[in-house]
Structures are given as C-alpha cells and as structure tokens.
C-alpha cells in the first residue's frame, strides 16, 4: 500500500485532481503501541505526561457534566493503579469544581503512589475516599453504588491485556449487579472499559458495558472491533493537546459525514442527469436477477445521474420490470449468465461512463469466470468496483491482483476475502483489519 493510501488520503493524480481528503487526528484509529509512541513523541516535544493526564481527566469530567444535566450529584470514581486511575482522580477533582459530590473508590492504589498529589488534593478538599483493601466484603462499595448516578470506570487502561483476577472481578461484578438493578445508573469508561483488549477487541468476561467511553487523542482499534465494540457505548475522542503533526499515518480511520462531505462533488442547480456521473453495472443473471436490481437501484439512490444495466439478455426482462430509471445494455447469455464474448461488447460501450460495477449476482459459472477474464484483459477500464461473484470469479484467475484496473475497489465479505487470500475463514475473522491492510 502506498503511503498516501495507508494514510487514508485520496491521492492527487492526473485522473483524480480533487484535493486530498485530510484525515483529522480524532478520526484516526490507532493500535495501543502506536498510541504509546504518540504519547512519547508528545513528551519529547515538551507536552508532559502530567499535562496530558490533566487534560484527559478534565475531558472526562466535561463529558459527564454535559451528558447529565442537571449535574449528577453523586458520581463514583473507580480508580486503578496506573495512569488510567490518575485520569480518574483528575476527573473527580474537576467534577468537584463543577459542583458535584464525587466519591473515590481505590483498587490497588494508595497515598504512597501519588506523585502529582491528585489523591492528596481530593482528600484535603473533603472528598470521601475508600479502598478495596479496607472493604473486603465490598459493603462500602455497595452502599456507594446504591447512591451513584454515574460510575466512572478508571481501573484498567488501554495497555491492559491480562485476565482480570478474583479481587477486581468481584469489584466489577458488584458494579454490574448494581447496573442491572438501578436503571438510573450510567457507566462512563475512561479510555476503555476495564478488561477490553484495545488492539483485538477481545473482552474479559468481567468487563462492564459502558454507556459511553471517553478515549484520548484517537480511538483505538479495539473500540470498533467486536465483541469489544458492544461494550464501549458511545465513543467520544477527547483532545489532550498532542500536536497533530506528531500523529502517525492513519492505517485505519473512522468514516464520518464531516470527512466524506468535502469529497462529494457540488450539484449545480443548472444541471441534468449527465452532470452527476454515469455508472454501468455488469451484474445479475437469471438465478440472481434481484442482485442486479438492488445494486443498480442503489447507484441511483446515492446520486448517480445515469445508470446503465449491462445484464445477461435472458435476465433483462425480469430486472427491467423492477427499475424504471435505468437504461440497458443486454449482453449475450449462456444458461442465464454472462457469455464470455459479451465482454467485448461491454468494453466497447464503456468510454462514456465514469464508473463500472462488476459482479453482483453474476454467478461463478465457467462462462462468468471467462467473461471476467476477458474483460480484465482489455486495455483500460474506468474506475471499477468489484463485488460478490465478481470477487469469487477473480479467485479462479492466475495473478488476479496484477490484472485489476488502476482505480479499483474490492468489497469482500469475510468468506469472499478468505477465498481471495486462499486462507481459512477463521483466520480472516480473527484478523480482519490486519489482513485487510496487508492485502491492500
């Protein structure tokens, strides 16, 4: 993958002069190791870990205040031993300043590990603080949970990937039981729900399900990979003051309306169907006429001005009855699917079109494979999207990656991806993102 493609940019080329899409830092999805490297780079540039922690805790408190108006009077902050716990202590201080009455419950943390005096400052301000080590039967925790409007999970951070032990497991079980019986209680996760592997998305059985997660600088892979994605709730990415220039290229990023909107062409009021792009789809067969209708209809719904269905002539009467908007290029058929010699006719019709869709419902017959083979053997094709049976046909062609058009998008589901890579489906399911980057 080129550097531009790996960064998620649309490369500026002769045939695509549009301005590059800029990927904002908050849209990046980073692996934990990349996030740790980013924090080190920020520290080396003069932005201290203490400053990042201050901004992180403030961001969590701000999100709580904004989401719970009037302000939740009794937030309970669960504080672990690492930097994640430090973020929770800072959050408690800002909630106190905002007029709330936070309580702090410590797990494997005490006053002897308080270099920034976050815990000492809370104690001197009169904040109630209890520790798991002094609460073996979790009675104090249970009493505070009954009165809590918001529980802040600042126990384990993004770097944790070990199984949760019995002590912390019992603590989280108590929170889960309260969450199940008290519908007014909300869970806010700091950076990630404790027990989430922020690279793989795997979760410990004890992991809580958050209502929302406030993460810092960039979301992590595990926030958007299941099963972990189902435990994060709404994901909020908070700025902690890291210079955008320090961010690595976005190997993965989050698509959003603000990111996509600048890429869409303006639609002039003085226009006609030819102004909005022309799409031709080599799709469908007699057994899978519906695939042709669905894909061609979708092209119209997303805004293409003129859509042409290049379909096997024996399937055309069925598909045409479903779509009134499309024009048609019936192609020769064999047994209800594309005939190989139809590729020449399709190629001759391509010059006016801006994009080609290939594959939906075309079958995996020998004739369909030969049709794809013949079409890819032509000198030029417009920007092409290959889907469904088009992908399955590719797997029967030698050196198919080298034969793809210059501007090409492949959209495999996991089984199709496994066929393209010639690897087990289980491997694809376990390594979707890694294999997608490697294959690209």
Protein backbone atom coordinates (compact mmCIF):
# COMPACT_ATOMS: atom_id res chain seq x y z
CA UNK A 1 0.00 0.00 0.00
CA UNK A 2 1.33 3.44 -0.86
CA UNK A 3 1.98 5.99 1.88
CA UNK A 4 -0.91 8.09 0.61
CA UNK A 5 -3.29 5.14 0.58
CA UNK A 6 -2.12 3.98 4.01
CA UNK A 7 -2.83 7.46 5.34
CA UNK A 8 -6.39 7.14 4.09
CA UNK A 9 -5.93 10.02 1.64
CA UNK A 10 -7.31 10.23 -1.84
CA UNK A 11 -4.09 10.58 -3.81
CA UNK A 12 -3.92 13.55 -6.12
CA UNK A 13 -3.33 12.05 -9.57
CA UNK A 14 -3.84 13.13 -13.16
CA UNK A 15 -7.14 11.27 -13.37
CA UNK A 16 -8.28 12.39 -9.91
CA UNK A 17 -7.29 16.04 -9.46
CA UNK A 18 -9.57 16.54 -6.49
CA UNK A 19 -7.95 17.91 -3.39
CA UNK A 20 -6.83 15.30 -0.89
CA UNK A 21 -9.15 14.45 1.96
CA UNK A 22 -7.45 15.37 5.21
CA UNK A 23 -7.94 12.82 7.97
CA UNK A 24 -8.35 14.72 11.25
CA UNK A 25 -6.41 13.25 14.19
CA UNK A 26 -9.61 12.43 16.07
CA UNK A 27 -10.68 10.20 13.16
CA UNK A 28 -7.55 8.03 13.45
CA UNK A 29 -7.88 4.53 14.85
CA UNK A 30 -4.59 3.57 16.49
CA UNK A 31 -3.14 0.38 17.87
CA UNK A 32 -2.09 0.64 21.52
CA UNK A 33 1.60 0.59 20.59
CA UNK A 34 1.09 3.49 18.18
CA UNK A 35 -0.76 5.46 20.87
CA UNK A 36 2.06 4.86 23.35
CA UNK A 37 4.60 6.01 20.75
CA UNK A 38 2.49 9.11 20.09
CA UNK A 39 2.46 9.98 23.80
CA UNK A 40 6.24 9.53 23.98
CA UNK A 41 6.67 11.79 20.96
CA UNK A 42 4.46 14.42 22.60
CA UNK A 43 6.51 14.19 25.80
CA UNK A 44 9.75 14.57 23.85
CA UNK A 45 8.24 17.65 22.20
CA UNK A 46 7.58 19.21 25.62
CA UNK A 47 3.99 18.13 26.33
CA UNK A 48 4.37 16.25 29.61
CA UNK A 49 2.51 13.15 30.72
CA UNK A 50 1.19 15.22 33.65
CA UNK A 51 -0.26 17.78 31.24
CA UNK A 52 -1.86 15.02 29.14
CA UNK A 53 -3.36 13.45 32.28
CA UNK A 54 -4.75 16.81 33.40
CA UNK A 55 -6.45 17.35 30.05
CA UNK A 56 -7.71 13.76 29.93
CA UNK A 57 -9.33 13.94 33.37
CA UNK A 58 -10.84 17.32 32.56
CA UNK A 59 -12.28 15.93 29.31
CA UNK A 60 -13.98 13.04 31.13
CA UNK A 61 -15.49 15.39 33.70
CA UNK A 62 -16.66 17.74 30.96
CA UNK A 63 -18.39 14.88 29.14
CA UNK A 64 -20.14 13.78 32.33
CA UNK A 65 -21.34 17.31 33.06
CA UNK A 66 -22.62 17.75 29.51
CA UNK A 67 -24.43 14.41 29.41
CA UNK A 68 -26.09 14.63 32.81
CA UNK A 69 -27.89 17.92 33.23
CA UNK A 70 -28.73 18.83 35.86
CA UNK A 71 -25.37 17.63 37.14
CA UNK A 72 -25.32 14.12 38.60
CA UNK A 73 -24.80 14.86 42.31
CA UNK A 74 -23.10 11.58 43.30
CA UNK A 75 -20.56 10.32 40.76
CA UNK A 76 -18.49 7.35 41.94
CA UNK A 77 -14.97 7.15 40.54
CA UNK A 78 -13.36 3.69 40.48
CA UNK A 79 -9.61 4.27 40.46
CA UNK A 80 -6.95 1.74 39.49
CA UNK A 81 -3.17 1.78 39.96
CA UNK A 82 -1.95 3.19 36.65
CA UNK A 83 -2.30 6.31 34.54
CA UNK A 84 -5.92 5.41 33.87
CA UNK A 85 -6.56 5.75 37.60
CA UNK A 86 -4.74 9.09 37.53
CA UNK A 87 -7.13 10.27 34.84
CA UNK A 88 -9.98 9.24 37.14
CA UNK A 89 -8.60 11.23 40.06
CA UNK A 90 -8.26 14.34 37.91
CA UNK A 91 -11.82 13.78 36.69
CA UNK A 92 -13.03 13.64 40.30
CA UNK A 93 -11.37 16.99 41.06
CA UNK A 94 -13.00 18.67 38.06
CA UNK A 95 -16.38 17.20 38.97
CA UNK A 96 -15.94 18.62 42.47
CA UNK A 97 -15.14 22.02 40.98
CA UNK A 98 -18.30 21.75 38.84
CA UNK A 99 -20.46 21.36 41.95
CA UNK A 100 -20.82 17.58 42.16
CA UNK A 101 -20.01 15.45 45.21
CA UNK A 102 -17.74 12.72 43.87
CA UNK A 103 -16.67 9.69 45.84
CA UNK A 104 -13.47 7.79 45.05
CA UNK A 105 -13.02 4.03 45.42
CA UNK A 106 -9.43 2.79 45.12
CA UNK A 107 -8.24 -0.57 43.85
CA UNK A 108 -4.52 -1.30 44.32
CA UNK A 109 -3.76 2.40 44.77
CA UNK A 110 -2.91 4.39 47.87
CA UNK A 111 -1.34 7.65 49.02
CA UNK A 112 2.18 6.26 48.69
CA UNK A 113 1.80 6.39 44.91
CA UNK A 114 0.60 9.92 44.35
CA UNK A 115 3.45 11.83 42.64
CA UNK A 116 1.17 14.56 41.29
CA UNK A 117 -0.76 14.74 44.62
CA UNK A 118 -4.08 14.14 42.87
CA UNK A 119 -5.29 11.91 45.71
CA UNK A 120 -3.99 14.24 48.40
CA UNK A 121 -5.77 17.22 46.84
CA UNK A 122 -9.06 15.34 46.82
CA UNK A 123 -8.63 14.28 50.43
CA UNK A 124 -7.83 17.82 51.56
CA UNK A 125 -10.97 19.02 49.76
CA UNK A 126 -13.08 16.63 51.81
CA UNK A 127 -13.85 14.10 49.08
CA UNK A 128 -14.91 10.72 50.50
CA UNK A 129 -12.31 8.06 49.63
CA UNK A 130 -12.44 4.32 50.33
CA UNK A 131 -10.15 1.47 49.34
CA UNK A 132 -10.80 -2.11 48.32
CA UNK A 133 -8.10 -3.22 50.75
CA UNK A 134 -10.22 -1.87 53.65
CA UNK A 135 -13.50 -3.15 52.25
CA UNK A 136 -13.12 -6.96 51.92
CA UNK A 137 -16.86 -7.66 51.79
CA UNK A 138 -17.46 -4.70 49.40
CA UNK A 139 -20.04 -3.28 51.80
CA UNK A 140 -18.79 0.29 51.36
CA UNK A 141 -18.73 -0.10 47.59
CA UNK A 142 -22.28 -1.49 47.61
CA UNK A 143 -23.57 1.41 49.71
CA UNK A 144 -21.99 3.97 47.41
CA UNK A 145 -23.24 2.21 44.28
CA UNK A 146 -26.82 2.49 45.57
CA UNK A 147 -26.45 6.28 45.61
CA UNK A 148 -24.39 6.74 42.44
CA UNK A 149 -25.79 8.39 39.34
CA UNK A 150 -22.61 7.88 37.31
CA UNK A 151 -19.91 5.29 37.85
CA UNK A 152 -16.58 6.14 36.25
CA UNK A 153 -14.50 3.10 35.30
CA UNK A 154 -10.88 4.27 35.63
CA UNK A 155 -9.50 0.92 36.76
CA UNK A 156 -7.54 -0.51 33.81
CA UNK A 157 -6.29 1.36 30.78
CA UNK A 158 -5.64 0.54 27.13
CA UNK A 159 -2.39 -1.29 27.87
CA UNK A 160 -4.01 -3.99 29.99
CA UNK A 161 -4.44 -7.36 28.28
CA UNK A 162 -4.22 -9.90 31.13
CA UNK A 163 -7.20 -11.80 32.60
CA UNK A 164 -8.94 -9.96 35.42
CA UNK A 165 -8.20 -11.57 38.79
CA UNK A 166 -10.62 -12.50 41.53
CA UNK A 167 -10.39 -9.27 43.54
CA UNK A 168 -11.03 -6.90 40.64
CA UNK A 169 -13.50 -9.40 39.23
CA UNK A 170 -15.59 -9.26 42.41
CA UNK A 171 -15.48 -5.45 42.33
CA UNK A 172 -16.71 -5.37 38.72
CA UNK A 173 -19.38 -7.99 39.48
CA UNK A 174 -20.72 -5.70 42.20
CA UNK A 175 -20.89 -2.78 39.77
CA UNK A 176 -22.61 -4.94 37.15
CA UNK A 177 -25.21 -6.13 39.66
CA UNK A 178 -25.95 -2.52 40.60
CA UNK A 179 -26.12 -1.53 36.94
CA UNK A 180 -28.68 -4.27 36.29
CA UNK A 181 -30.92 -3.26 39.19
CA UNK A 182 -30.63 0.53 39.03
CA UNK A 183 -31.65 1.87 35.60
CA UNK A 184 -30.71 5.44 36.60
CA UNK A 185 -27.04 4.47 36.88
CA UNK A 186 -24.74 5.28 33.95
CA UNK A 187 -21.26 3.85 33.33
CA UNK A 188 -18.55 6.11 31.91
CA UNK A 189 -15.38 4.29 30.83
CA UNK A 190 -12.10 6.20 30.90
CA UNK A 191 -10.18 5.36 27.71
CA UNK A 192 -11.78 1.89 27.58
CA UNK A 193 -13.96 -0.41 29.67
CA UNK A 194 -11.62 -2.31 32.01
CA UNK A 195 -10.80 -5.70 30.50
CA UNK A 196 -11.09 -4.64 26.85
CA UNK A 197 -8.10 -5.52 24.67
CA UNK A 198 -7.74 -2.28 22.76
CA UNK A 199 -6.00 -3.93 19.81
CA UNK A 200 -8.14 -7.00 19.20
CA UNK A 201 -11.50 -6.04 20.69
CA UNK A 202 -11.47 -9.14 22.91
CA UNK A 203 -13.06 -8.68 26.33
CA UNK A 204 -12.63 -10.31 29.70
CA UNK A 205 -15.85 -11.91 31.00
CA UNK A 206 -15.81 -9.38 33.85
CA UNK A 207 -15.75 -6.33 31.54
CA UNK A 208 -18.55 -3.84 32.15
CA UNK A 209 -20.77 -2.48 29.41
CA UNK A 210 -20.33 1.29 29.38
CA UNK A 211 -22.95 3.79 28.34
CA UNK A 212 -20.15 5.89 26.87
CA UNK A 213 -16.38 5.80 26.65
CA UNK A 214 -14.13 8.85 26.65
CA UNK A 215 -10.86 7.99 24.96
CA UNK A 216 -7.92 10.27 24.31
CA UNK A 217 -6.16 11.63 21.22
CA UNK A 218 -7.52 8.87 18.97
CA UNK A 219 -9.83 5.89 19.21
CA UNK A 220 -8.16 2.50 19.41
CA UNK A 221 -8.72 -0.48 17.17
CA UNK A 222 -10.47 -2.42 19.93
CA UNK A 223 -13.10 0.28 20.34
CA UNK A 224 -14.50 -0.66 16.94
CA UNK A 225 -13.81 -4.40 16.85
CA UNK A 226 -16.37 -6.82 18.24
CA UNK A 227 -17.07 -8.07 20.83
CA UNK A 228 -15.40 -5.07 22.50
CA UNK A 229 -17.26 -2.54 20.38
CA UNK A 230 -20.50 -3.64 22.03
CA UNK A 231 -19.08 -2.80 25.49
CA UNK A 232 -17.98 0.78 24.77
CA UNK A 233 -21.30 2.52 24.22
CA UNK A 234 -20.96 5.93 22.56
CA UNK A 235 -17.30 6.68 21.86
CA UNK A 236 -16.02 10.20 22.48
CA UNK A 237 -12.50 11.13 21.35
CA UNK A 238 -11.07 13.90 23.51
CA UNK A 239 -8.18 16.17 22.58
CA UNK A 240 -5.37 16.07 25.14
CA UNK A 241 -3.16 18.64 23.48
CA UNK A 242 -0.97 16.45 21.27
CA UNK A 243 0.35 18.25 18.20
CA UNK A 244 -1.48 16.89 15.11
CA UNK A 245 1.86 16.83 13.26
CA UNK A 246 3.03 14.03 15.57
CA UNK A 247 0.27 11.60 14.60
CA UNK A 248 1.31 8.58 12.52
CA UNK A 249 -0.32 7.90 9.14
CA UNK A 250 -3.82 6.54 9.63
CA UNK A 251 -3.58 2.84 8.88
CA UNK A 252 -7.26 2.79 9.83
CA UNK A 253 -9.63 5.68 10.31
CA UNK A 254 -13.26 6.36 11.10
CA UNK A 255 -15.51 7.41 8.25
CA UNK A 256 -17.84 10.26 9.19
CA UNK A 257 -20.09 12.76 7.46
CA UNK A 258 -17.66 15.68 8.01
CA UNK A 259 -14.85 13.63 6.47
CA UNK A 260 -16.86 12.46 3.46
CA UNK A 261 -18.76 15.66 2.68
CA UNK A 262 -15.81 17.55 1.12
CA UNK A 263 -15.21 14.63 -1.27
CA UNK A 264 -18.69 14.82 -2.77
CA UNK A 265 -18.97 16.99 -5.89
CA UNK A 266 -21.15 20.06 -5.77
CA UNK A 267 -24.50 19.69 -7.52
CA UNK A 268 -25.20 22.77 -9.59
CA UNK A 269 -28.77 24.00 -9.83
CA UNK A 270 -28.35 24.24 -13.60
CA UNK A 271 -27.81 20.58 -14.35
CA UNK A 272 -29.17 17.37 -15.87
CA UNK A 273 -28.66 13.64 -15.43
CA UNK A 274 -25.40 13.74 -17.33
CA UNK A 275 -23.99 16.21 -14.81
CA UNK A 276 -23.97 13.74 -11.95
CA UNK A 277 -21.90 10.88 -13.29
CA UNK A 278 -22.64 7.79 -15.34
CA UNK A 279 -22.44 4.29 -13.91
CA UNK A 280 -22.64 0.99 -15.76
CA UNK A 281 -23.11 -2.27 -13.90
CA UNK A 282 -22.20 -5.71 -15.28
CA UNK A 283 -24.42 -7.54 -12.84
CA UNK A 284 -27.06 -10.19 -12.48
CA UNK A 285 -28.16 -13.47 -14.01
CA UNK A 286 -31.42 -15.37 -14.30
CA UNK A 287 -30.94 -17.05 -10.87
CA UNK A 288 -29.85 -13.77 -9.25
CA UNK A 289 -31.85 -11.08 -11.00
CA UNK A 290 -32.55 -9.45 -7.64
CA UNK A 291 -28.86 -8.71 -7.11
CA UNK A 292 -28.84 -6.69 -10.32
CA UNK A 293 -31.95 -4.75 -9.32
CA UNK A 294 -30.65 -3.99 -5.82
CA UNK A 295 -27.19 -2.82 -6.93
CA UNK A 296 -28.37 -0.71 -9.86
CA UNK A 297 -31.13 0.81 -7.75
CA UNK A 298 -28.59 1.69 -5.06
CA UNK A 299 -26.46 3.54 -7.62
CA UNK A 300 -29.42 5.77 -8.33
CA UNK A 301 -30.23 6.34 -4.67
CA UNK A 302 -26.73 7.59 -3.88
CA UNK A 303 -26.95 10.18 -6.63
CA UNK A 304 -25.59 8.83 -9.93
CA UNK A 305 -27.18 10.72 -12.80
CA UNK A 306 -27.37 7.94 -15.37
CA UNK A 307 -27.30 4.21 -14.62
CA UNK A 308 -26.99 1.50 -17.25
CA UNK A 309 -27.55 -2.15 -16.51
CA UNK A 310 -25.30 -4.40 -18.57
CA UNK A 311 -27.14 -7.63 -17.80
CA UNK A 312 -27.47 -11.03 -19.47
CA UNK A 313 -30.21 -10.69 -22.08
CA UNK A 314 -32.22 -13.57 -20.62
CA UNK A 315 -32.30 -11.81 -17.21
CA UNK A 316 -33.06 -8.36 -18.65
CA UNK A 317 -36.90 -8.71 -18.84
CA UNK A 318 -37.08 -9.51 -15.14
CA UNK A 319 -34.69 -6.80 -13.94
CA UNK A 320 -36.17 -4.10 -16.21
CA UNK A 321 -39.64 -4.55 -14.70
CA UNK A 322 -38.23 -3.52 -11.30
CA UNK A 323 -36.27 -0.45 -12.38
CA UNK A 324 -37.76 2.41 -14.34
CA UNK A 325 -34.78 4.76 -14.01
CA UNK A 326 -32.07 2.64 -15.64
CA UNK A 327 -31.04 2.34 -19.26
CA UNK A 328 -29.99 -1.07 -20.53
CA UNK A 329 -27.25 -2.90 -22.38
CA UNK A 330 -28.41 -6.52 -22.71
CA UNK A 331 -25.42 -8.81 -23.24
CA UNK A 332 -25.18 -12.34 -24.65
CA UNK A 333 -26.04 -15.07 -22.19
CA UNK A 334 -25.32 -18.76 -21.71
CA UNK A 335 -27.54 -20.68 -19.32
CA UNK A 336 -28.89 -17.45 -17.87
CA UNK A 337 -25.46 -15.93 -17.08
CA UNK A 338 -22.87 -13.82 -18.92
CA UNK A 339 -21.32 -15.31 -22.06
CA UNK A 340 -17.56 -14.72 -22.47
CA UNK A 341 -17.88 -12.97 -25.84
CA UNK A 342 -20.13 -10.34 -24.24
CA UNK A 343 -17.04 -8.74 -22.66
CA UNK A 344 -16.03 -7.16 -25.97
CA UNK A 345 -19.43 -5.52 -26.35
CA UNK A 346 -19.32 -4.21 -22.79
CA UNK A 347 -15.81 -2.82 -23.26
CA UNK A 348 -16.86 -1.02 -26.43
CA UNK A 349 -19.70 0.67 -24.51
CA UNK A 350 -17.52 1.89 -21.61
CA UNK A 351 -15.96 5.20 -22.83
CA UNK A 352 -18.87 7.49 -21.77
CA UNK A 353 -19.05 6.00 -18.27
CA UNK A 354 -17.36 7.30 -15.11
CA UNK A 355 -17.54 4.05 -13.14
CA UNK A 356 -18.06 0.31 -13.62
CA UNK A 357 -19.72 -2.04 -11.13
CA UNK A 358 -18.84 -5.69 -11.68
CA UNK A 359 -20.06 -8.86 -10.09
CA UNK A 360 -23.32 -8.69 -8.14
CA UNK A 361 -25.26 -11.87 -8.89
CA UNK A 362 -23.23 -12.80 -11.99
CA UNK A 363 -22.71 -16.44 -10.76
CA UNK A 364 -19.45 -18.35 -10.58
CA UNK A 365 -20.05 -20.40 -13.70
CA UNK A 366 -17.21 -21.17 -16.10
CA UNK A 367 -18.73 -18.70 -18.55
CA UNK A 368 -18.95 -15.94 -15.94
CA UNK A 369 -15.31 -16.54 -14.98
CA UNK A 370 -14.31 -16.37 -18.65
CA UNK A 371 -16.32 -13.13 -19.02
CA UNK A 372 -14.40 -11.51 -16.14
CA UNK A 373 -11.13 -12.87 -17.55
CA UNK A 374 -11.85 -11.36 -20.95
CA UNK A 375 -12.98 -8.02 -19.51
CA UNK A 376 -9.86 -7.62 -17.36
CA UNK A 377 -7.76 -8.43 -20.39
CA UNK A 378 -8.89 -5.23 -22.09
CA UNK A 379 -6.51 -2.27 -22.13
CA UNK A 380 -8.45 0.19 -20.00
CA UNK A 381 -11.41 0.22 -17.68
CA UNK A 382 -12.98 3.15 -15.83
CA UNK A 383 -12.78 3.24 -12.01
CA UNK A 384 -14.20 -0.15 -11.07
CA UNK A 385 -15.88 -1.64 -8.01
CA UNK A 386 -15.82 -5.44 -7.88
CA UNK A 387 -18.22 -7.16 -5.51
CA UNK A 388 -19.82 -10.52 -4.72
CA UNK A 389 -19.47 -13.09 -7.54
CA UNK A 390 -17.06 -10.78 -9.33
CA UNK A 391 -14.66 -11.39 -6.44
CA UNK A 392 -15.33 -15.12 -6.49
CA UNK A 393 -14.55 -15.19 -10.22
CA UNK A 394 -11.26 -13.40 -9.55
CA UNK A 395 -10.07 -16.26 -7.37
CA UNK A 396 -10.08 -18.52 -10.45
CA UNK A 397 -7.72 -16.22 -12.39
CA UNK A 398 -3.96 -16.50 -12.11
CA UNK A 399 -2.22 -13.36 -10.83
CA UNK A 400 -5.54 -11.59 -10.46
CA UNK A 401 -4.16 -8.72 -8.28
CA UNK A 402 -1.89 -7.64 -11.13
CA UNK A 403 -4.84 -7.59 -13.52
CA UNK A 404 -7.05 -5.20 -11.61
CA UNK A 405 -7.84 -1.79 -13.14
CA UNK A 406 -5.68 1.08 -11.89
CA UNK A 407 -8.57 2.62 -9.92
CA UNK A 408 -10.29 -0.33 -8.27
CA UNK A 409 -12.22 -1.07 -5.07
CA UNK A 410 -12.84 -4.58 -3.77
CA UNK A 411 -15.66 -5.11 -1.26
CA UNK A 412 -15.43 -8.70 0.06
CA UNK A 413 -17.36 -10.12 2.96
CA UNK A 414 -15.27 -12.46 5.17
CA UNK A 415 -15.89 -15.63 3.13
CA UNK A 416 -15.06 -13.87 -0.14
CA UNK A 417 -11.96 -12.36 1.47
CA UNK A 418 -10.84 -15.83 2.60
CA UNK A 419 -11.16 -17.07 -0.99
CA UNK A 420 -9.20 -14.11 -2.33
CA UNK A 421 -6.39 -14.73 0.18
CA UNK A 422 -6.67 -18.53 -0.06
CA UNK A 423 -6.69 -18.81 3.72
CA UNK A 424 -9.10 -20.25 6.33
CA UNK A 425 -12.21 -18.24 7.14
CA UNK A 426 -11.39 -18.47 10.86
CA UNK A 427 -8.12 -16.63 10.22
CA UNK A 428 -9.95 -13.84 8.40
CA UNK A 429 -12.47 -13.49 11.20
CA UNK A 430 -9.68 -13.30 13.79
CA UNK A 431 -7.50 -10.84 11.85
CA UNK A 432 -9.85 -8.80 9.66
CA UNK A 433 -8.11 -5.44 9.98
CA UNK A 434 -4.56 -6.78 9.89
CA UNK A 435 -5.21 -8.88 6.79
CA UNK A 436 -7.07 -6.05 5.06
CA UNK A 437 -4.09 -3.73 5.50
CA UNK A 438 -1.66 -6.45 4.40
CA UNK A 439 -3.72 -7.37 1.35
CA UNK A 440 -4.17 -3.76 0.32
